[in-house]
Each structure stands twice: as C-alpha cells, then as structure tokens.
C-alpha cells in the first residue's frame, strides 16, 4: 500500500504578521462545521479579549442565525460571504479556528497554516489529527471541550511569540501538501507500477 497526501492549493505570497487581533473561521454554515459552536466559544473568549475580532467566512442554512445582531454588536463578530481572496483574509488574521463535528481532511487547515496561522481545532474524526501536531503547529482540542478550546485560543492571543513559533511550524508542515512535493510521489508510483 502507498499513501500519498492530498494536494492542496497553498499560499504563494507573504505570510501573516500575526499582529492583527483577528481570529478567522472558514466553512459552510451547517451541521458539520458547527459555526454556532464557535459563537458559544467566542462568548467565553470575548470578555477576556474584547479588542479581538472574530471573522466568519462562509454561507449556508445557519446564515440568519449567525447574522443575528446581538452577536455582531456585542461580541465583535463579523460574518462575511465567501470570497475568492481567502488567502488575503488568512494573512490579515492571527489565529484560525475549526469546530467541525467531523472532517474527512479539512482543506482550510493547511491553507491557513501555509499563511503562518496557528490553528486551534476540535480533534474530530478524522482530518484535524492528520494535519495538526498538538502543541507544535497548532492545538487539537478534545471534542466539545469548550473550556480547553477557550484556554488555547486565549493562550495564543496573550503570546505573540507563541503564535510566531507555532505559525512557523505550521508553514513548514503545510508544505507536505504542496504540488511540488505531492506530484513526484504520483510519478514515482506510476513508474513503479509500470516497471512491475
């Protein structure tokens, strides 16, 4: 058996300075991605860090619920429609969050990592744990452990040097999914099969 990583379109520009007080969530507004779980988490983060903003990008059936005025007015949450310039959005952020109930892979995680963002994600089946080395290039959180999720995000908010250290590792680990690294593995496999 041969295992070849997914190929992901990665950042080919500058990385984030990690200085902007912005957290980013990217995903469909539906059951799997659980954007309302991120709202519940942010309710606990915002009183501790009222100067930080949560940017939520996506669309879906939970849009109206997410756009409810109490969230955006009281907790510094901005809901955005999908954009063709998501890498610019990653670069303007300092932390990426994922609250999915399940993920087969999760393209947004390596995308954000390639922009230098530390990622905090629930350790759901099965994608995040194949992408994140806990404490090295991001943080994996036990599913539904809101207090631990809050702690890790706040830890990153408090410490820019920690953000930079983890973000640097995130960039390095994201390159595993770069076309320049993945395509030669396919060539090698086909050459091996032909030779047999």
C-alpha atoms as a PDB file:
ATOM      1  CA  UNK A   1       0.000   0.000   0.000  1.00  0.00           C
ATOM      2  CA  UNK A   2       1.157   3.513  -0.820  1.00  0.00           C
ATOM      3  CA  UNK A   3      -0.087   6.623   0.974  1.00  0.00           C
ATOM      4  CA  UNK A   4       0.054   9.905  -0.944  1.00  0.00           C
ATOM      5  CA  UNK A   5      -1.078  13.147   0.724  1.00  0.00           C
ATOM      6  CA  UNK A   6      -3.866  15.265  -0.709  1.00  0.00           C
ATOM      7  CA  UNK A   7      -2.729  18.089  -2.929  1.00  0.00           C
ATOM      8  CA  UNK A   8      -3.813  21.471  -1.542  1.00  0.00           C
ATOM      9  CA  UNK A   9      -3.654  24.902  -3.152  1.00  0.00           C
ATOM     10  CA  UNK A  10      -1.377  26.710  -0.701  1.00  0.00           C
ATOM     11  CA  UNK A  11      -0.376  30.299  -0.084  1.00  0.00           C
ATOM     12  CA  UNK A  12       2.262  31.523  -2.535  1.00  0.00           C
ATOM     13  CA  UNK A  13       2.539  35.033  -1.144  1.00  0.00           C
ATOM     14  CA  UNK A  14       3.680  36.587   2.139  1.00  0.00           C
ATOM     15  CA  UNK A  15       2.581  35.097   5.436  1.00  0.00           C
ATOM     16  CA  UNK A  16       0.647  36.761   8.238  1.00  0.00           C
ATOM     17  CA  UNK A  17       2.493  39.061  10.628  1.00  0.00           C
ATOM     18  CA  UNK A  18       0.277  37.561  13.370  1.00  0.00           C
ATOM     19  CA  UNK A  19      -0.067  41.053  14.820  1.00  0.00           C
ATOM     20  CA  UNK A  20      -3.707  41.733  13.902  1.00  0.00           C
ATOM     21  CA  UNK A  21      -6.173  40.955  16.656  1.00  0.00           C
ATOM     22  CA  UNK A  22      -8.312  38.811  14.421  1.00  0.00           C
ATOM     23  CA  UNK A  23      -9.430  35.174  14.586  1.00  0.00           C
ATOM     24  CA  UNK A  24     -10.769  33.511  11.434  1.00  0.00           C
ATOM     25  CA  UNK A  25     -13.310  30.731  10.895  1.00  0.00           C
ATOM     26  CA  UNK A  26     -13.878  29.434   7.360  1.00  0.00           C
ATOM     27  CA  UNK A  27     -16.526  26.859   6.474  1.00  0.00           C
ATOM     28  CA  UNK A  28     -20.069  26.127   5.402  1.00  0.00           C
ATOM     29  CA  UNK A  29     -22.726  27.352   7.825  1.00  0.00           C
ATOM     30  CA  UNK A  30     -24.178  23.931   8.539  1.00  0.00           C
ATOM     31  CA  UNK A  31     -24.327  20.981  10.922  1.00  0.00           C
ATOM     32  CA  UNK A  32     -20.906  19.513  10.094  1.00  0.00           C
ATOM     33  CA  UNK A  33     -18.881  22.716  10.509  1.00  0.00           C
ATOM     34  CA  UNK A  34     -20.802  23.915  13.593  1.00  0.00           C
ATOM     35  CA  UNK A  35     -20.320  27.674  13.305  1.00  0.00           C
ATOM     36  CA  UNK A  36     -22.725  28.191  16.224  1.00  0.00           C
ATOM     37  CA  UNK A  37     -20.311  26.193  18.396  1.00  0.00           C
ATOM     38  CA  UNK A  38     -17.715  28.850  17.579  1.00  0.00           C
ATOM     39  CA  UNK A  39     -20.178  31.507  18.739  1.00  0.00           C
ATOM     40  CA  UNK A  40     -20.535  29.682  22.072  1.00  0.00           C
ATOM     41  CA  UNK A  41     -16.746  29.550  22.386  1.00  0.00           C
ATOM     42  CA  UNK A  42     -16.425  33.225  21.490  1.00  0.00           C
ATOM     43  CA  UNK A  43     -18.954  34.147  24.178  1.00  0.00           C
ATOM     44  CA  UNK A  44     -16.332  32.993  26.695  1.00  0.00           C
ATOM     45  CA  UNK A  45     -13.329  34.487  24.896  1.00  0.00           C
ATOM     46  CA  UNK A  46     -14.716  37.947  24.139  1.00  0.00           C
ATOM     47  CA  UNK A  47     -14.999  39.205  27.764  1.00  0.00           C
ATOM     48  CA  UNK A  48     -11.322  38.369  28.258  1.00  0.00           C
ATOM     49  CA  UNK A  49     -10.200  39.875  24.942  1.00  0.00           C
ATOM     50  CA  UNK A  50     -12.786  42.472  23.854  1.00  0.00           C
ATOM     51  CA  UNK A  51     -10.275  44.065  21.468  1.00  0.00           C
ATOM     52  CA  UNK A  52     -10.114  40.922  19.304  1.00  0.00           C
ATOM     53  CA  UNK A  53     -12.460  40.286  16.363  1.00  0.00           C
ATOM     54  CA  UNK A  54     -13.887  37.000  15.082  1.00  0.00           C
ATOM     55  CA  UNK A  55     -14.293  36.880  11.288  1.00  0.00           C
ATOM     56  CA  UNK A  56     -16.558  34.105   9.992  1.00  0.00           C
ATOM     57  CA  UNK A  57     -16.473  33.300   6.260  1.00  0.00           C
ATOM     58  CA  UNK A  58     -18.996  31.079   4.504  1.00  0.00           C
ATOM     59  CA  UNK A  59     -22.604  30.533   3.568  1.00  0.00           C
ATOM     60  CA  UNK A  60     -25.344  28.050   4.350  1.00  0.00           C
ATOM     61  CA  UNK A  61     -28.518  27.289   6.239  1.00  0.00           C
ATOM     62  CA  UNK A  62     -27.341  28.852   9.535  1.00  0.00           C
ATOM     63  CA  UNK A  63     -26.554  32.256   7.983  1.00  0.00           C
ATOM     64  CA  UNK A  64     -29.503  34.103   9.522  1.00  0.00           C
ATOM     65  CA  UNK A  65     -28.720  32.746  12.957  1.00  0.00           C
ATOM     66  CA  UNK A  66     -25.082  33.826  12.630  1.00  0.00           C
ATOM     67  CA  UNK A  67     -26.001  37.295  11.438  1.00  0.00           C
ATOM     68  CA  UNK A  68     -28.196  37.939  14.478  1.00  0.00           C
ATOM     69  CA  UNK A  69     -27.456  41.478  15.657  1.00  0.00           C
ATOM     70  CA  UNK A  70     -26.691  40.630  19.298  1.00  0.00           C
ATOM     71  CA  UNK A  71     -23.696  38.554  18.196  1.00  0.00           C
ATOM     72  CA  UNK A  72     -22.142  41.111  15.867  1.00  0.00           C
ATOM     73  CA  UNK A  73     -22.866  44.164  18.014  1.00  0.00           C
ATOM     74  CA  UNK A  74     -21.937  42.802  21.419  1.00  0.00           C
ATOM     75  CA  UNK A  75     -19.155  40.331  20.730  1.00  0.00           C
ATOM     76  CA  UNK A  76     -17.168  41.870  17.859  1.00  0.00           C
ATOM     77  CA  UNK A  77     -18.134  39.174  15.345  1.00  0.00           C
ATOM     78  CA  UNK A  78     -18.238  39.894  11.614  1.00  0.00           C
ATOM     79  CA  UNK A  79     -19.930  37.432   9.244  1.00  0.00           C
ATOM     80  CA  UNK A  80     -18.625  37.515   5.660  1.00  0.00           C
ATOM     81  CA  UNK A  81     -19.845  35.934   2.455  1.00  0.00           C
ATOM     82  CA  UNK A  82     -17.426  33.554   0.692  1.00  0.00           C
ATOM     83  CA  UNK A  83     -14.547  35.281  -1.067  1.00  0.00           C
ATOM     84  CA  UNK A  84     -12.194  34.481  -3.932  1.00  0.00           C
ATOM     85  CA  UNK A  85      -9.422  36.123  -1.918  1.00  0.00           C
ATOM     86  CA  UNK A  86      -9.406  33.901   1.152  1.00  0.00           C
ATOM     87  CA  UNK A  87      -5.606  33.870   1.381  1.00  0.00           C
ATOM     88  CA  UNK A  88      -5.671  37.649   1.885  1.00  0.00           C
ATOM     89  CA  UNK A  89      -8.132  37.043   4.728  1.00  0.00           C
ATOM     90  CA  UNK A  90      -5.860  34.443   6.318  1.00  0.00           C
ATOM     91  CA  UNK A  91      -2.909  36.840   6.064  1.00  0.00           C
ATOM     92  CA  UNK A  92      -4.921  39.547   7.847  1.00  0.00           C
ATOM     93  CA  UNK A  93      -5.672  37.152  10.720  1.00  0.00           C
ATOM     94  CA  UNK A  94      -3.558  35.756  13.561  1.00  0.00           C
ATOM     95  CA  UNK A  95      -5.376  32.542  14.605  1.00  0.00           C
ATOM     96  CA  UNK A  96      -7.555  30.077  12.695  1.00  0.00           C
ATOM     97  CA  UNK A  97     -10.263  28.007  14.434  1.00  0.00           C
ATOM     98  CA  UNK A  98     -12.179  24.879  13.431  1.00  0.00           C
ATOM     99  CA  UNK A  99     -15.133  23.431  15.341  1.00  0.00           C
ATOM    100  CA  UNK A 100     -16.206  20.668  12.940  1.00  0.00           C
ATOM    101  CA  UNK A 101     -18.138  17.647  14.136  1.00  0.00           C
ATOM    102  CA  UNK A 102     -16.279  15.524  11.571  1.00  0.00           C
ATOM    103  CA  UNK A 103     -13.788  16.237   8.774  1.00  0.00           C
ATOM    104  CA  UNK A 104     -12.527  13.864   6.062  1.00  0.00           C
ATOM    105  CA  UNK A 105      -9.486  16.131   5.583  1.00  0.00           C
ATOM    106  CA  UNK A 106     -10.236  19.818   6.007  1.00  0.00           C
ATOM    107  CA  UNK A 107      -8.632  21.907   3.263  1.00  0.00           C
ATOM    108  CA  UNK A 108      -8.914  25.165   5.189  1.00  0.00           C
ATOM    109  CA  UNK A 109      -6.484  23.942   7.857  1.00  0.00           C
ATOM    110  CA  UNK A 110      -3.425  23.524   5.597  1.00  0.00           C
ATOM    111  CA  UNK A 111      -4.482  26.644   3.675  1.00  0.00           C
ATOM    112  CA  UNK A 112      -4.380  28.698   6.882  1.00  0.00           C
ATOM    113  CA  UNK A 113      -1.182  27.005   8.028  1.00  0.00           C
ATOM    114  CA  UNK A 114       0.523  27.954   4.774  1.00  0.00           C
ATOM    115  CA  UNK A 115      -0.216  31.598   5.672  1.00  0.00           C
ATOM    116  CA  UNK A 116       1.538  31.123   9.009  1.00  0.00           C
ATOM    117  CA  UNK A 117      -1.538  30.813  11.200  1.00  0.00           C
ATOM    118  CA  UNK A 118      -1.603  28.614  14.295  1.00  0.00           C
ATOM    119  CA  UNK A 119      -4.791  26.539  14.167  1.00  0.00           C
ATOM    120  CA  UNK A 120      -6.991  25.517  17.099  1.00  0.00           C
ATOM    121  CA  UNK A 121      -9.331  22.670  16.140  1.00  0.00           C
ATOM    122  CA  UNK A 122     -11.526  20.078  17.724  1.00  0.00           C
ATOM    123  CA  UNK A 123      -9.976  16.620  17.416  1.00  0.00           C
ATOM    124  CA  UNK A 124     -12.911  15.295  15.446  1.00  0.00           C
ATOM    125  CA  UNK A 125     -12.865  12.225  13.221  1.00  0.00           C
ATOM    126  CA  UNK A 126     -10.561  12.289  11.286  1.00  0.00           C
ATOM    127  CA  UNK A 127      -8.935  15.162   9.450  1.00  0.00           C
ATOM    128  CA  UNK A 128      -7.501  17.572  12.032  1.00  0.00           C
ATOM    129  CA  UNK A 129      -5.339  14.967  13.775  1.00  0.00           C
ATOM    130  CA  UNK A 130      -3.660  14.113  10.464  1.00  0.00           C
ATOM    131  CA  UNK A 131      -2.764  17.782   9.957  1.00  0.00           C
ATOM    132  CA  UNK A 132      -2.046  19.152  13.434  1.00  0.00           C
ATOM    133  CA  UNK A 133       0.702  18.059  15.810  1.00  0.00           C
ATOM    134  CA  UNK A 134      -0.704  19.197  19.134  1.00  0.00           C
ATOM    135  CA  UNK A 135       1.387  21.991  20.638  1.00  0.00           C
ATOM    136  CA  UNK A 136       3.775  22.103  17.673  1.00  0.00           C
ATOM    137  CA  UNK A 137       1.946  23.546  14.660  1.00  0.00           C
ATOM    138  CA  UNK A 138      -1.425  24.084  16.331  1.00  0.00           C
ATOM    139  CA  UNK A 139      -3.670  22.743  19.060  1.00  0.00           C
ATOM    140  CA  UNK A 140      -6.018  19.757  18.997  1.00  0.00           C
ATOM    141  CA  UNK A 141      -8.884  20.006  21.464  1.00  0.00           C
ATOM    142  CA  UNK A 142     -10.924  17.111  22.813  1.00  0.00           C
ATOM    143  CA  UNK A 143     -14.290  17.178  21.067  1.00  0.00           C
ATOM    144  CA  UNK A 144     -16.766  19.538  22.805  1.00  0.00           C
ATOM    145  CA  UNK A 145     -14.262  20.609  25.469  1.00  0.00           C
ATOM    146  CA  UNK A 146     -15.148  24.300  25.217  1.00  0.00           C
ATOM    147  CA  UNK A 147     -13.068  25.353  28.242  1.00  0.00           C
ATOM    148  CA  UNK A 148      -9.902  23.827  26.770  1.00  0.00           C
ATOM    149  CA  UNK A 149     -10.649  25.411  23.390  1.00  0.00           C
ATOM    150  CA  UNK A 150     -11.045  28.800  25.078  1.00  0.00           C
ATOM    151  CA  UNK A 151      -7.816  28.327  27.032  1.00  0.00           C
ATOM    152  CA  UNK A 152      -5.750  27.544  23.921  1.00  0.00           C
ATOM    153  CA  UNK A 153      -7.152  30.434  21.887  1.00  0.00           C
ATOM    154  CA  UNK A 154      -6.580  32.843  24.789  1.00  0.00           C
ATOM    155  CA  UNK A 155      -3.058  31.484  25.250  1.00  0.00           C
ATOM    156  CA  UNK A 156      -2.291  32.362  21.631  1.00  0.00           C
ATOM    157  CA  UNK A 157      -3.934  35.771  21.994  1.00  0.00           C
ATOM    158  CA  UNK A 158      -1.757  36.551  25.026  1.00  0.00           C
ATOM    159  CA  UNK A 159       1.551  35.498  23.496  1.00  0.00           C
ATOM    160  CA  UNK A 160       2.664  36.710  20.066  1.00  0.00           C
ATOM    161  CA  UNK A 161       5.936  34.779  20.344  1.00  0.00           C
ATOM    162  CA  UNK A 162       3.960  31.572  20.816  1.00  0.00           C
ATOM    163  CA  UNK A 163       1.865  32.487  17.773  1.00  0.00           C
ATOM    164  CA  UNK A 164       5.029  33.038  15.758  1.00  0.00           C
ATOM    165  CA  UNK A 165       6.674  29.810  16.879  1.00  0.00           C
ATOM    166  CA  UNK A 166       3.623  27.683  16.135  1.00  0.00           C
ATOM    167  CA  UNK A 167       2.894  29.623  12.941  1.00  0.00           C
ATOM    168  CA  UNK A 168       6.416  28.956  11.664  1.00  0.00           C
ATOM    169  CA  UNK A 169       5.923  25.227  12.234  1.00  0.00           C
ATOM    170  CA  UNK A 170       2.524  25.449  10.558  1.00  0.00           C
ATOM    171  CA  UNK A 171       4.071  26.864   7.382  1.00  0.00           C
ATOM    172  CA  UNK A 172       6.672  24.083   7.297  1.00  0.00           C
ATOM    173  CA  UNK A 173       4.163  21.281   7.869  1.00  0.00           C
ATOM    174  CA  UNK A 174       1.737  22.642   5.250  1.00  0.00           C
ATOM    175  CA  UNK A 175       4.346  22.127   2.533  1.00  0.00           C
ATOM    176  CA  UNK A 176       3.716  18.388   2.695  1.00  0.00           C
ATOM    177  CA  UNK A 177       0.588  19.138   0.629  1.00  0.00           C
ATOM    178  CA  UNK A 178       2.346  21.354  -1.936  1.00  0.00           C
ATOM    179  CA  UNK A 179       2.080  20.182  -5.564  1.00  0.00           C
ATOM    180  CA  UNK A 180       5.872  20.219  -5.840  1.00  0.00           C
ATOM    181  CA  UNK A 181       6.022  17.575  -3.096  1.00  0.00           C
ATOM    182  CA  UNK A 182       2.899  15.562  -3.949  1.00  0.00           C
ATOM    183  CA  UNK A 183       3.179  15.165  -7.732  1.00  0.00           C
ATOM    184  CA  UNK A 184       6.591  13.424  -7.679  1.00  0.00           C
ATOM    185  CA  UNK A 185       5.051  10.788  -5.389  1.00  0.00           C
ATOM    186  CA  UNK A 186       2.429  10.045  -8.052  1.00  0.00           C
ATOM    187  CA  UNK A 187       5.113   9.856 -10.740  1.00  0.00           C
ATOM    188  CA  UNK A 188       7.140   7.500  -8.582  1.00  0.00           C
ATOM    189  CA  UNK A 189       4.109   5.270  -8.002  1.00  0.00           C
ATOM    190  CA  UNK A 190       3.207   5.055 -11.707  1.00  0.00           C
ATOM    191  CA  UNK A 191       6.815   4.375 -12.688  1.00  0.00           C
ATOM    192  CA  UNK A 192       6.970   1.592 -10.127  1.00  0.00           C
ATOM    193  CA  UNK A 193       3.720   0.052 -11.373  1.00  0.00           C
ATOM    194  CA  UNK A 194       4.891   0.214 -14.999  1.00  0.00           C
ATOM    195  CA  UNK A 195       8.214  -1.403 -14.142  1.00  0.00           C
ATOM    196  CA  UNK A 196       6.413  -4.302 -12.486  1.00  0.00           C
END
